[in-house]
Amino acid sequence: MASKKKKKDEKDTISVHLRLRPTKKNSGFIESDALDDTLVKLNIPERGISRDKGYVNNSKTNYNFKFSSVIGMEANQGDVFERVARDPVISVLDGINATVFAYGQTGSGKTYTITGGVDSYEERGLIPRAISLIFKEFGNRADVTYTTHISYLELYN
């Protein structure tokens, strides 16, 4: 998982990261590009179409999607934090507003990514890692006084 480094003055206003959730059985429909960590390819097989009998399927079966980064199935919670949340947290401490949120279908791993697992310290999610980084930075920035308010909101339909 190579990560593109930006110049110090180059900032994205919005970045969109795709985390591929590990699966028990690979569908073969999704592949990430080994040379480009911002591209994911979706290949939907044509089922029930017989070209031998003259049926033509004009629907698209191959799609390419670009993201700020594609986080592979092998990534751990620490990798996700470094890729997605470290820069926004540091930006907040520098006075720039930032929001990190997870979006996806039910069961896709949003809560796990944001809050983490309960089995081990290494499984902690973005929120506990962000809070740790914030207080670590408070200690490193003794010349600045901070007031901290933290909120967490989880929405359901």
C-alpha atoms as a PDB file:
ATOM      1  CA  MET A   1       0.000   0.000   0.000  1.00  0.00           C
ATOM      2  CA  ALA A   2       2.016   2.903  -1.237  1.00  0.00           C
ATOM      3  CA  SER A   3       0.805   6.263  -0.065  1.00  0.00           C
ATOM      4  CA  LYS A   4       1.232   9.404  -2.126  1.00  0.00           C
ATOM      5  CA  LYS A   5       2.950  12.201  -0.229  1.00  0.00           C
ATOM      6  CA  LYS A   6       1.777  15.721  -0.887  1.00  0.00           C
ATOM      7  CA  LYS A   7       3.734  18.902  -0.825  1.00  0.00           C
ATOM      8  CA  LYS A   8       3.453  20.807   2.451  1.00  0.00           C
ATOM      9  CA  ASP A   9       1.272  23.550   0.921  1.00  0.00           C
ATOM     10  CA  GLU A  10      -0.918  21.171  -1.125  1.00  0.00           C
ATOM     11  CA  LYS A  11      -4.156  20.307   0.724  1.00  0.00           C
ATOM     12  CA  ASP A  12      -7.243  18.454  -0.374  1.00  0.00           C
ATOM     13  CA  THR A  13     -10.496  19.988   0.714  1.00  0.00           C
ATOM     14  CA  ILE A  14     -12.213  16.604   0.516  1.00  0.00           C
ATOM     15  CA  SER A  15     -10.647  13.190   0.300  1.00  0.00           C
ATOM     16  CA  VAL A  16     -12.509   9.925  -0.236  1.00  0.00           C
ATOM     17  CA  HIS A  17     -10.908   6.662   0.822  1.00  0.00           C
ATOM     18  CA  LEU A  18     -12.229   3.181   0.097  1.00  0.00           C
ATOM     19  CA  ARG A  19     -11.533   0.465   2.645  1.00  0.00           C
ATOM     20  CA  LEU A  20     -11.988  -3.003   1.221  1.00  0.00           C
ATOM     21  CA  ARG A  21     -13.415  -5.248   3.903  1.00  0.00           C
ATOM     22  CA  PRO A  22     -11.818  -8.684   4.220  1.00  0.00           C
ATOM     23  CA  THR A  23     -14.130 -11.452   3.052  1.00  0.00           C
ATOM     24  CA  LYS A  24     -14.214 -15.178   3.679  1.00  0.00           C
ATOM     25  CA  LYS A  25     -14.527 -15.940  -0.037  1.00  0.00           C
ATOM     26  CA  ASN A  26     -13.242 -13.674  -2.798  1.00  0.00           C
ATOM     27  CA  SER A  27     -16.001 -12.866  -5.310  1.00  0.00           C
ATOM     28  CA  GLY A  28     -13.511 -12.023  -8.020  1.00  0.00           C
ATOM     29  CA  PHE A  29     -15.602  -8.971  -8.951  1.00  0.00           C
ATOM     30  CA  ILE A  30     -13.371  -6.371  -7.277  1.00  0.00           C
ATOM     31  CA  GLU A  31      -9.692  -5.822  -7.869  1.00  0.00           C
ATOM     32  CA  SER A  32      -7.394  -3.063  -6.775  1.00  0.00           C
ATOM     33  CA  ASP A  33      -4.632  -1.889  -9.064  1.00  0.00           C
ATOM     34  CA  ALA A  34      -1.172  -2.849  -7.790  1.00  0.00           C
ATOM     35  CA  LEU A  35       0.398   0.149  -9.553  1.00  0.00           C
ATOM     36  CA  ASP A  36      -2.238   2.739  -8.630  1.00  0.00           C
ATOM     37  CA  ASP A  37      -3.499   2.810  -5.022  1.00  0.00           C
ATOM     38  CA  THR A  38      -6.286   5.207  -5.998  1.00  0.00           C
ATOM     39  CA  LEU A  39      -8.070   2.903  -8.471  1.00  0.00           C
ATOM     40  CA  VAL A  40     -10.465   0.028  -7.922  1.00  0.00           C
ATOM     41  CA  LYS A  41     -11.950  -2.030 -10.749  1.00  0.00           C
ATOM     42  CA  LEU A  42     -15.342  -3.698 -10.601  1.00  0.00           C
ATOM     43  CA  ASN A  43     -15.955  -6.494 -13.118  1.00  0.00           C
ATOM     44  CA  ILE A  44     -19.500  -7.828 -13.197  1.00  0.00           C
ATOM     45  CA  PRO A  45     -19.777 -11.077 -15.165  1.00  0.00           C
ATOM     46  CA  GLU A  46     -22.475 -11.409 -17.810  1.00  0.00           C
ATOM     47  CA  ARG A  47     -24.803 -14.148 -16.589  1.00  0.00           C
ATOM     48  CA  GLY A  48     -27.594 -15.710 -18.569  1.00  0.00           C
ATOM     49  CA  ILE A  49     -26.488 -14.111 -21.815  1.00  0.00           C
ATOM     50  CA  SER A  50     -25.903 -16.361 -24.762  1.00  0.00           C
ATOM     51  CA  ARG A  51     -23.975 -14.745 -27.568  1.00  0.00           C
ATOM     52  CA  ASP A  52     -24.300 -18.040 -29.478  1.00  0.00           C
ATOM     53  CA  LYS A  53     -28.065 -17.514 -29.755  1.00  0.00           C
ATOM     54  CA  GLY A  54     -27.756 -13.919 -30.897  1.00  0.00           C
ATOM     55  CA  TYR A  55     -28.704 -12.162 -27.652  1.00  0.00           C
ATOM     56  CA  VAL A  56     -26.831  -8.925 -27.158  1.00  0.00           C
ATOM     57  CA  ASN A  57     -26.198  -7.399 -23.769  1.00  0.00           C
ATOM     58  CA  ASN A  58     -25.393  -3.709 -24.130  1.00  0.00           C
ATOM     59  CA  SER A  59     -25.028  -3.108 -20.403  1.00  0.00           C
ATOM     60  CA  LYS A  60     -21.657  -2.127 -19.051  1.00  0.00           C
ATOM     61  CA  THR A  61     -19.870  -4.855 -17.075  1.00  0.00           C
ATOM     62  CA  ASN A  62     -16.533  -3.216 -16.215  1.00  0.00           C
ATOM     63  CA  TYR A  63     -16.243  -0.115 -14.039  1.00  0.00           C
ATOM     64  CA  ASN A  64     -13.246   1.873 -12.786  1.00  0.00           C
ATOM     65  CA  PHE A  65     -13.556   4.069  -9.687  1.00  0.00           C
ATOM     66  CA  LYS A  66     -10.957   6.593  -8.490  1.00  0.00           C
ATOM     67  CA  PHE A  67     -10.511   7.467  -4.812  1.00  0.00           C
ATOM     68  CA  SER A  68      -7.971   9.431  -2.803  1.00  0.00           C
ATOM     69  CA  SER A  69      -6.728   5.988  -1.809  1.00  0.00           C
ATOM     70  CA  VAL A  70      -7.866   2.380  -1.804  1.00  0.00           C
ATOM     71  CA  ILE A  71      -7.070   0.620   1.463  1.00  0.00           C
ATOM     72  CA  GLY A  72      -6.606  -3.075   0.837  1.00  0.00           C
ATOM     73  CA  MET A  73      -8.089  -6.002   2.743  1.00  0.00           C
ATOM     74  CA  GLU A  74      -4.759  -6.668   4.457  1.00  0.00           C
ATOM     75  CA  ALA A  75      -4.695  -3.218   6.116  1.00  0.00           C
ATOM     76  CA  ASN A  76      -4.966  -3.030   9.890  1.00  0.00           C
ATOM     77  CA  GLN A  77      -6.569  -0.272  11.961  1.00  0.00           C
ATOM     78  CA  GLY A  78      -3.262   1.563  12.339  1.00  0.00           C
ATOM     79  CA  ASP A  79      -2.778   1.643   8.556  1.00  0.00           C
ATOM     80  CA  VAL A  80      -6.278   3.071   8.125  1.00  0.00           C
ATOM     81  CA  PHE A  81      -5.655   5.787  10.735  1.00  0.00           C
ATOM     82  CA  GLU A  82      -2.368   6.847   9.146  1.00  0.00           C
ATOM     83  CA  ARG A  83      -3.928   6.996   5.682  1.00  0.00           C
ATOM     84  CA  VAL A  84      -7.273   8.597   6.559  1.00  0.00           C
ATOM     85  CA  ALA A  85      -7.306  10.444   9.883  1.00  0.00           C
ATOM     86  CA  ARG A  86      -3.821  11.581  10.925  1.00  0.00           C
ATOM     87  CA  ASP A  87      -3.721  14.626   8.616  1.00  0.00           C
ATOM     88  CA  PRO A  88      -7.222  15.882   9.542  1.00  0.00           C
ATOM     89  CA  VAL A  89      -6.425  15.553  13.265  1.00  0.00           C
ATOM     90  CA  ILE A  90      -3.200  17.542  12.887  1.00  0.00           C
ATOM     91  CA  SER A  91      -5.095  20.106  10.771  1.00  0.00           C
ATOM     92  CA  VAL A  92      -7.626  20.593  13.564  1.00  0.00           C
ATOM     93  CA  LEU A  93      -4.818  21.322  15.999  1.00  0.00           C
ATOM     94  CA  ASP A  94      -3.527  23.901  13.510  1.00  0.00           C
ATOM     95  CA  GLY A  95      -6.937  25.624  13.485  1.00  0.00           C
ATOM     96  CA  ILE A  96      -8.505  24.062  10.386  1.00  0.00           C
ATOM     97  CA  ASN A  97     -11.882  22.337  10.793  1.00  0.00           C
ATOM     98  CA  ALA A  98     -12.024  18.689   9.745  1.00  0.00           C
ATOM     99  CA  THR A  99     -14.546  15.874   9.700  1.00  0.00           C
ATOM    100  CA  VAL A 100     -13.965  12.172   9.226  1.00  0.00           C
ATOM    101  CA  PHE A 101     -16.977   9.959   8.674  1.00  0.00           C
ATOM    102  CA  ALA A 102     -17.698   6.468   7.412  1.00  0.00           C
ATOM    103  CA  TYR A 103     -20.426   5.676   4.919  1.00  0.00           C
ATOM    104  CA  GLY A 104     -21.571   2.323   3.611  1.00  0.00           C
ATOM    105  CA  GLN A 105     -24.157  -0.388   3.734  1.00  0.00           C
ATOM    106  CA  THR A 106     -25.137  -2.274   6.886  1.00  0.00           C
ATOM    107  CA  GLY A 107     -22.456  -4.713   7.983  1.00  0.00           C
ATOM    108  CA  SER A 108     -19.690  -3.177   5.898  1.00  0.00           C
ATOM    109  CA  GLY A 109     -17.447  -2.328   8.878  1.00  0.00           C
ATOM    110  CA  LYS A 110     -18.104   1.371   9.511  1.00  0.00           C
ATOM    111  CA  THR A 111     -18.443   1.080  13.289  1.00  0.00           C
ATOM    112  CA  TYR A 112     -15.422  -1.228  13.490  1.00  0.00           C
ATOM    113  CA  THR A 113     -13.326   1.265  11.515  1.00  0.00           C
ATOM    114  CA  ILE A 114     -14.429   4.276  13.557  1.00  0.00           C
ATOM    115  CA  THR A 115     -14.588   2.833  17.095  1.00  0.00           C
ATOM    116  CA  GLY A 116     -12.537  -0.339  16.757  1.00  0.00           C
ATOM    117  CA  GLY A 117     -12.684  -3.865  18.041  1.00  0.00           C
ATOM    118  CA  VAL A 118     -12.881  -4.985  21.646  1.00  0.00           C
ATOM    119  CA  ASP A 119     -10.465  -7.916  21.496  1.00  0.00           C
ATOM    120  CA  SER A 120      -7.159  -6.059  21.598  1.00  0.00           C
ATOM    121  CA  TYR A 121      -5.525  -2.654  21.904  1.00  0.00           C
ATOM    122  CA  GLU A 122      -4.277  -2.918  18.308  1.00  0.00           C
ATOM    123  CA  GLU A 123      -7.875  -3.109  17.041  1.00  0.00           C
ATOM    124  CA  ARG A 124      -8.799   0.340  18.362  1.00  0.00           C
ATOM    125  CA  GLY A 125     -10.389   2.497  15.688  1.00  0.00           C
ATOM    126  CA  LEU A 126     -10.051   6.016  14.385  1.00  0.00           C
ATOM    127  CA  ILE A 127     -11.672   7.752  17.368  1.00  0.00           C
ATOM    128  CA  PRO A 128      -9.429   6.299  20.104  1.00  0.00           C
ATOM    129  CA  ARG A 129      -6.352   6.799  17.922  1.00  0.00           C
ATOM    130  CA  ALA A 130      -7.351  10.403  17.164  1.00  0.00           C
ATOM    131  CA  ILE A 131      -7.884  11.157  20.864  1.00  0.00           C
ATOM    132  CA  SER A 132      -4.465   9.679  21.689  1.00  0.00           C
ATOM    133  CA  LEU A 133      -2.819  11.773  18.976  1.00  0.00           C
ATOM    134  CA  ILE A 134      -4.609  14.939  20.126  1.00  0.00           C
ATOM    135  CA  PHE A 135      -3.395  14.613  23.714  1.00  0.00           C
ATOM    136  CA  LYS A 136       0.096  13.629  22.558  1.00  0.00           C
ATOM    137  CA  GLU A 137       0.204  16.788  20.427  1.00  0.00           C
ATOM    138  CA  PHE A 138      -1.075  18.869  23.378  1.00  0.00           C
ATOM    139  CA  GLY A 139       2.025  17.748  25.255  1.00  0.00           C
ATOM    140  CA  ASN A 140       4.278  18.565  22.311  1.00  0.00           C
ATOM    141  CA  ARG A 141       2.800  22.053  21.834  1.00  0.00           C
ATOM    142  CA  ALA A 142       3.415  23.569  25.253  1.00  0.00           C
ATOM    143  CA  ASP A 143       3.326  27.117  23.835  1.00  0.00           C
ATOM    144  CA  VAL A 144      -0.383  26.804  22.936  1.00  0.00           C
ATOM    145  CA  THR A 145      -3.433  26.525  25.187  1.00  0.00           C
ATOM    146  CA  TYR A 146      -6.199  24.240  23.943  1.00  0.00           C
ATOM    147  CA  THR A 147      -9.812  23.741  24.985  1.00  0.00           C
ATOM    148  CA  THR A 148     -11.184  20.381  23.916  1.00  0.00           C
ATOM    149  CA  HIS A 149     -14.745  19.330  23.159  1.00  0.00           C
ATOM    150  CA  ILE A 150     -15.257  15.875  21.673  1.00  0.00           C
ATOM    151  CA  SER A 151     -18.468  14.504  20.205  1.00  0.00           C
ATOM    152  CA  TYR A 152     -19.389  11.288  18.448  1.00  0.00           C
ATOM    153  CA  LEU A 153     -22.608  10.749  16.520  1.00  0.00           C
ATOM    154  CA  GLU A 154     -23.827   7.516  14.973  1.00  0.00           C
ATOM    155  CA  LEU A 155     -26.880   7.795  12.734  1.00  0.00           C
ATOM    156  CA  TYR A 156     -29.270   5.048  11.726  1.00  0.00           C
ATOM    157  CA  ASN A 157     -32.313   5.211   9.440  1.00  0.00           C
END
